[in-house]
Amino acid sequence: MTSRGVITLPARLRRALGLKPDDILIAETTPEGLLLRPAVTLPVELYAEERVREFDETEAELAAAMRDREQARTGSAKVAAPRKRRR
């Protein structure tokens, strides 16, 4: 281990475990010593404001369709909120 705490795993061990450069490992202490295991990472998606508005509009359309379906099923005479029109 280096003075900065960097640990080098032998190439044979990395290959046997299927570890690749830049893989992230979690280090845990156990009664037996140190446990290193692969971390599960998920990609993060970033959306532009325009795309977020598209999601919001689609969700509003879906909510309106579900409301209409429920009203048709129950025979409810409630007045539905006006829908936004897609451009």
Protein backbone atom coordinates (compact mmCIF):
# COMPACT_ATOMS: atom_id res chain seq x y z
CA MET A 1 0.00 0.00 0.00
CA THR A 2 1.30 3.44 -0.86
CA SER A 3 1.51 6.37 1.55
CA ARG A 4 -1.74 7.65 -0.04
CA GLY A 5 -3.51 4.34 0.71
CA VAL A 6 -3.50 3.06 -2.87
CA ILE A 7 -3.59 -0.73 -3.11
CA THR A 8 -2.45 -2.61 -6.22
CA LEU A 9 -4.21 -5.87 -7.02
CA PRO A 10 -2.14 -8.37 -8.99
CA ALA A 11 -3.09 -8.67 -12.68
CA ARG A 12 -3.91 -12.37 -12.29
CA LEU A 13 -6.40 -11.58 -9.51
CA ARG A 14 -7.97 -8.71 -11.50
CA ARG A 15 -8.42 -11.00 -14.51
CA ALA A 16 -9.86 -13.81 -12.39
CA LEU A 17 -12.41 -11.40 -10.88
CA GLY A 18 -13.18 -9.69 -14.19
CA LEU A 19 -12.07 -6.30 -12.88
CA LYS A 20 -11.34 -3.61 -15.43
CA PRO A 21 -9.57 -0.25 -15.15
CA ASP A 22 -11.75 2.37 -13.42
CA ASP A 23 -14.04 -0.27 -11.85
CA ILE A 24 -15.24 0.95 -8.47
CA LEU A 25 -14.75 -1.24 -5.41
CA ILE A 26 -16.28 -0.97 -1.97
CA ALA A 27 -13.96 -1.65 0.98
CA GLU A 28 -15.50 -3.03 4.17
CA THR A 29 -14.01 -4.27 7.39
CA THR A 30 -15.11 -7.68 8.60
CA PRO A 31 -14.08 -9.80 11.59
CA GLU A 32 -11.80 -11.68 9.17
CA GLY A 33 -10.15 -8.51 7.79
CA LEU A 34 -10.72 -6.35 4.73
CA LEU A 35 -13.37 -7.19 2.13
CA LEU A 36 -13.23 -5.62 -1.33
CA ARG A 37 -16.26 -6.05 -3.56
CA PRO A 38 -17.44 -4.49 -6.81
CA ALA A 39 -19.76 -1.51 -6.40
CA VAL A 40 -23.02 -1.42 -8.30
CA THR A 41 -23.24 1.84 -10.21
CA LEU A 42 -26.09 3.16 -12.30
CA PRO A 43 -25.80 5.71 -15.06
CA VAL A 44 -27.35 9.11 -14.41
CA GLU A 45 -29.23 10.85 -17.18
CA LEU A 46 -29.36 14.63 -17.34
CA TYR A 47 -32.16 16.23 -19.33
CA ALA A 48 -32.47 19.65 -20.91
CA GLU A 49 -35.40 21.81 -19.72
CA GLU A 50 -37.19 21.21 -23.03
CA ARG A 51 -37.04 17.43 -22.50
CA VAL A 52 -38.29 17.78 -18.92
CA ARG A 53 -41.28 19.80 -20.24
CA GLU A 54 -41.97 17.00 -22.75
CA PHE A 55 -42.03 14.49 -19.89
CA ASP A 56 -44.38 16.73 -17.89
CA GLU A 57 -46.74 17.15 -20.85
CA THR A 58 -46.80 13.42 -21.51
CA GLU A 59 -47.53 12.68 -17.85
CA ALA A 60 -50.36 15.24 -17.88
CA GLU A 61 -51.81 13.62 -21.02
CA LEU A 62 -51.60 10.19 -19.39
CA ALA A 63 -53.30 11.47 -16.23
CA ALA A 64 -56.10 13.00 -18.32
CA ALA A 65 -56.56 9.77 -20.28
CA MET A 66 -56.71 7.75 -17.06
CA ARG A 67 -59.22 10.23 -15.59
CA ASP A 68 -61.36 9.99 -18.76
CA ARG A 69 -61.22 6.19 -18.64
CA GLU A 70 -62.27 6.14 -15.00
CA GLN A 71 -65.12 8.56 -15.69
CA ALA A 72 -66.30 6.42 -18.61
CA ARG A 73 -66.12 3.31 -16.45
CA THR A 74 -68.05 4.81 -13.53
CA GLY A 75 -70.35 7.02 -15.60
CA SER A 76 -69.16 10.02 -13.65
CA ALA A 77 -70.32 13.37 -15.03
CA LYS A 78 -67.40 15.36 -13.68
CA VAL A 79 -66.03 17.99 -16.01
CA ALA A 80 -62.49 17.12 -17.03
CA ALA A 81 -59.74 19.73 -16.88
CA PRO A 82 -58.83 21.13 -20.29
CA ARG A 83 -56.01 19.27 -21.99
CA LYS A 84 -52.90 20.89 -23.35
CA ARG A 85 -52.54 20.55 -27.08
CA ARG A 86 -49.30 19.23 -28.51
CA ARG A 87 -47.55 21.44 -30.99
